[in-house]
Amino acid sequence: MNGKLKPEEISIEVKLGLLKICNNVMNNIVTPNELIKDLEKLVSQISLSV
């Protein structure tokens, strides 16, 4: 798996999930454990959509 996903290949749900994670990190309202869980959930969504 060496290729990159094109922006149009990434679902809206994944993009929104990533934005939510970034917003939480920027506002310091997420613990490291919550961040890991959110990222794992996002990775599984990406894996399912590819």
N, C-alpha and C. Protein backbone atom coordinates (compact mmCIF):
# COMPACT_ATOMS: atom_id res chain seq x y z
N MET A 1 0.85 -1.19 0.00
CA MET A 1 0.00 0.00 0.00
C MET A 1 0.88 1.24 0.00
N ASN A 2 1.33 1.63 -1.17
CA ASN A 2 2.28 2.70 -1.29
C ASN A 2 1.65 3.98 -1.85
N GLY A 3 0.45 3.88 -2.43
CA GLY A 3 -0.17 5.02 -3.05
C GLY A 3 -0.88 5.92 -2.06
N LYS A 4 -1.11 7.14 -2.51
CA LYS A 4 -1.85 8.10 -1.69
C LYS A 4 -3.29 8.18 -2.19
N LEU A 5 -4.20 8.42 -1.25
CA LEU A 5 -5.59 8.64 -1.64
C LEU A 5 -5.74 10.05 -2.20
N LYS A 6 -6.51 10.17 -3.24
CA LYS A 6 -6.81 11.49 -3.78
C LYS A 6 -7.92 12.10 -2.91
N PRO A 7 -7.97 13.43 -2.81
CA PRO A 7 -8.99 14.06 -1.97
C PRO A 7 -10.41 13.63 -2.31
N GLU A 8 -10.69 13.41 -3.58
CA GLU A 8 -12.05 13.01 -3.97
C GLU A 8 -12.35 11.56 -3.60
N GLU A 9 -11.34 10.79 -3.22
CA GLU A 9 -11.54 9.41 -2.83
C GLU A 9 -11.82 9.25 -1.34
N ILE A 10 -11.68 10.33 -0.59
CA ILE A 10 -11.90 10.28 0.85
C ILE A 10 -13.33 10.72 1.13
N SER A 11 -14.04 9.91 1.88
CA SER A 11 -15.46 10.20 2.13
C SER A 11 -15.63 11.43 3.03
N ILE A 12 -16.79 12.03 2.93
CA ILE A 12 -17.12 13.20 3.76
C ILE A 12 -17.05 12.84 5.24
N GLU A 13 -17.50 11.64 5.60
CA GLU A 13 -17.48 11.23 7.01
C GLU A 13 -16.06 11.20 7.55
N VAL A 14 -15.13 10.71 6.76
CA VAL A 14 -13.72 10.65 7.18
C VAL A 14 -13.16 12.06 7.31
N LYS A 15 -13.47 12.93 6.35
CA LYS A 15 -12.99 14.31 6.41
C LYS A 15 -13.54 15.01 7.65
N LEU A 16 -14.82 14.82 7.94
CA LEU A 16 -15.41 15.44 9.12
C LEU A 16 -14.80 14.88 10.40
N GLY A 17 -14.53 13.59 10.43
CA GLY A 17 -13.89 12.99 11.59
C GLY A 17 -12.51 13.58 11.82
N LEU A 18 -11.76 13.77 10.75
CA LEU A 18 -10.42 14.35 10.87
C LEU A 18 -10.50 15.80 11.34
N LEU A 19 -11.44 16.55 10.82
CA LEU A 19 -11.63 17.93 11.26
C LEU A 19 -11.98 18.00 12.75
N LYS A 20 -12.83 17.09 13.20
CA LYS A 20 -13.21 17.05 14.61
C LYS A 20 -11.99 16.78 15.50
N ILE A 21 -11.18 15.80 15.08
CA ILE A 21 -9.98 15.46 15.84
C ILE A 21 -9.03 16.67 15.88
N CYS A 22 -8.82 17.32 14.74
CA CYS A 22 -7.93 18.48 14.69
C CYS A 22 -8.45 19.61 15.58
N ASN A 23 -9.74 19.85 15.54
CA ASN A 23 -10.35 20.89 16.36
C ASN A 23 -10.17 20.59 17.84
N ASN A 24 -10.38 19.35 18.24
CA ASN A 24 -10.22 18.97 19.63
C ASN A 24 -8.77 19.15 20.09
N VAL A 25 -7.83 18.80 19.23
CA VAL A 25 -6.41 18.94 19.58
C VAL A 25 -6.04 20.42 19.68
N MET A 26 -6.47 21.20 18.72
CA MET A 26 -6.15 22.64 18.74
C MET A 26 -6.72 23.33 19.97
N ASN A 27 -7.88 22.89 20.44
CA ASN A 27 -8.52 23.50 21.60
C ASN A 27 -8.14 22.81 22.91
N ASN A 28 -7.24 21.83 22.83
CA ASN A 28 -6.77 21.11 24.01
C ASN A 28 -7.92 20.52 24.84
N ILE A 29 -8.92 19.96 24.17
CA ILE A 29 -10.05 19.38 24.90
C ILE A 29 -10.10 17.87 24.75
N VAL A 30 -8.95 17.28 24.49
CA VAL A 30 -8.91 15.83 24.30
C VAL A 30 -7.70 15.27 25.06
N THR A 31 -7.92 14.15 25.73
CA THR A 31 -6.81 13.49 26.42
C THR A 31 -6.06 12.61 25.42
N PRO A 32 -4.83 12.25 25.72
CA PRO A 32 -4.09 11.38 24.80
C PRO A 32 -4.82 10.06 24.52
N ASN A 33 -5.45 9.47 25.53
CA ASN A 33 -6.18 8.22 25.31
C ASN A 33 -7.37 8.42 24.38
N GLU A 34 -8.10 9.53 24.56
CA GLU A 34 -9.23 9.81 23.67
C GLU A 34 -8.74 10.06 22.25
N LEU A 35 -7.61 10.74 22.12
CA LEU A 35 -7.04 11.01 20.81
C LEU A 35 -6.68 9.72 20.09
N ILE A 36 -6.07 8.79 20.82
CA ILE A 36 -5.71 7.50 20.23
C ILE A 36 -6.96 6.75 19.77
N LYS A 37 -8.00 6.74 20.60
CA LYS A 37 -9.24 6.05 20.23
C LYS A 37 -9.87 6.69 19.00
N ASP A 38 -9.90 8.02 18.97
CA ASP A 38 -10.48 8.72 17.81
C ASP A 38 -9.69 8.42 16.54
N LEU A 39 -8.36 8.41 16.65
CA LEU A 39 -7.53 8.12 15.48
C LEU A 39 -7.70 6.68 15.02
N GLU A 40 -7.81 5.75 15.96
CA GLU A 40 -8.03 4.36 15.59
C GLU A 40 -9.36 4.20 14.86
N LYS A 41 -10.38 4.89 15.34
CA LYS A 41 -11.69 4.84 14.70
C LYS A 41 -11.62 5.41 13.28
N LEU A 42 -10.89 6.51 13.13
CA LEU A 42 -10.74 7.13 11.82
C LEU A 42 -9.98 6.22 10.86
N VAL A 43 -8.93 5.58 11.34
CA VAL A 43 -8.16 4.66 10.50
C VAL A 43 -9.02 3.50 10.05
N SER A 44 -9.86 2.98 10.95
CA SER A 44 -10.73 1.87 10.55
C SER A 44 -11.75 2.33 9.51
N GLN A 45 -12.25 3.55 9.63
CA GLN A 45 -13.18 4.08 8.62
C GLN A 45 -12.47 4.19 7.26
N ILE A 46 -11.23 4.66 7.28
CA ILE A 46 -10.47 4.78 6.03
C ILE A 46 -10.23 3.41 5.43
N SER A 47 -9.87 2.45 6.27
CA SER A 47 -9.62 1.09 5.79
C SER A 47 -10.85 0.49 5.14
N LEU A 48 -12.02 0.74 5.73
CA LEU A 48 -13.26 0.21 5.19
C LEU A 48 -13.65 0.88 3.89
N SER A 49 -13.26 2.16 3.73
CA SER A 49 -13.69 2.88 2.53
C SER A 49 -12.74 2.67 1.35
N VAL A 50 -11.59 2.07 1.59
CA VAL A 50 -10.61 1.88 0.49
C VAL A 50 -10.84 0.55 -0.17
